[in-house]
Amino acid sequence: MNILVTGAAGFIGSHLSERLVDLGHSVRGVDCLTDYYARSLKALNANELRDKGITLLQLDLAEDELEQVVQNVNVVYHLAAQPGISATTKFQTYVRNNLTATHRLLEAVKGSSSFQGFINISTSSVYGVNATGSEETEPKPTSYYGVTKLASEQLVLAYARDQGLPSCSLRLFSVYGPRERPEKLYPKLIHSILANREFPLFEGSEHHLRSYTYVGDIVNGLIVVLQNFDKCIGEIFNIGTDTAITTGEGIRIVEEIIGKSVKFARKPKRAGDQLRTHANIEKARTILGYNPTTTAREGLANEVEWYKKYVFGMIDS
């Protein structure tokens, strides 16, 4: 198949693109390469993709011409988005990069004769403070990110309902692993320990429950959707691990792997943060045969090794 992956130079997108090539697909990657975090880190991912023979185009889904980009494409994996719950990111930025970009991409593919499927990548943040229910649970997002990702998801499914556009949406849970964004918990934690710096810990966050899901298990989920796409059209699936740990437990595992304790700098509670995520994956397990297997210790050991080898010393934050 000819597959387009948006956000291909990012964390999950780069892993997915490589797996698709390994499975024999032809992959065209798109990434805006914004300055949300150090471009040097995305450049590492981009170089890995090019080494695998993946074409990577730098363009802005919210502005640039897309008809040529989707030409001859059979399936779209839409991962590109404005991530995070940063207080410094304006609401208009989330609307532009999550909702407007998705709308323009849908408009570009809907008239294509080669197009067969649109796989939208959503987030457990649409559920809000407690992300523990099934796909039937009422979404109650508490952040600009969650609100605009829910709107984007519903836009994709509206095209499925109203125009027959074959599509589905996947809600991912707390993804971690090699290539994770530097502002996320584990990269910041690993860097703080290795650099002997204080780690900023938001009030109460050590007690937050999370379905921390290794990126390899997430990619497995994205692949089984492609392999069973006829069962997925018009559907929403939770993709994550149904084994949850607290953030405090995750911190202790990283400390044990590195063999050194972290020094905390306590910070006020962060607005929009989730208190509990515990992925209910019965639907994906039953319909798709999805079965995540990586333990937190296994996955975090891989991330620590990657960070030491490729990132530590490159960034100073």
Foldseek 3Di string as FASTA:
>chain_A
DEEEEEVCLADLNLVLLLVCVVVPYAYEYEYQCDVPDDSVLSVVSVVVCVVSVYHYYHDQLLDDDCLVVCALHAEYEYDWADDDQDPPDDLVRRCRRQPSSLVSNCVNPPPHPRYHEYEYEAALQQQFQASEDFPPRHGDHFGSNNVSSVVSQVVQLVCCVPVVHFYAYEHEWAEDFARHDCVDDLNQLLLCFVVVHAGEDEPPQQQAKGLYAYSVLQSVLVVLCVVVVVLGGSYYFYGTAQDIDGNNVLSVLLCVLVVHHHHHDYDYHDGRDHRYHGDDGPVCCVRRVRDGDDDSNRRSNRRSVNCVVPPHVVDDD
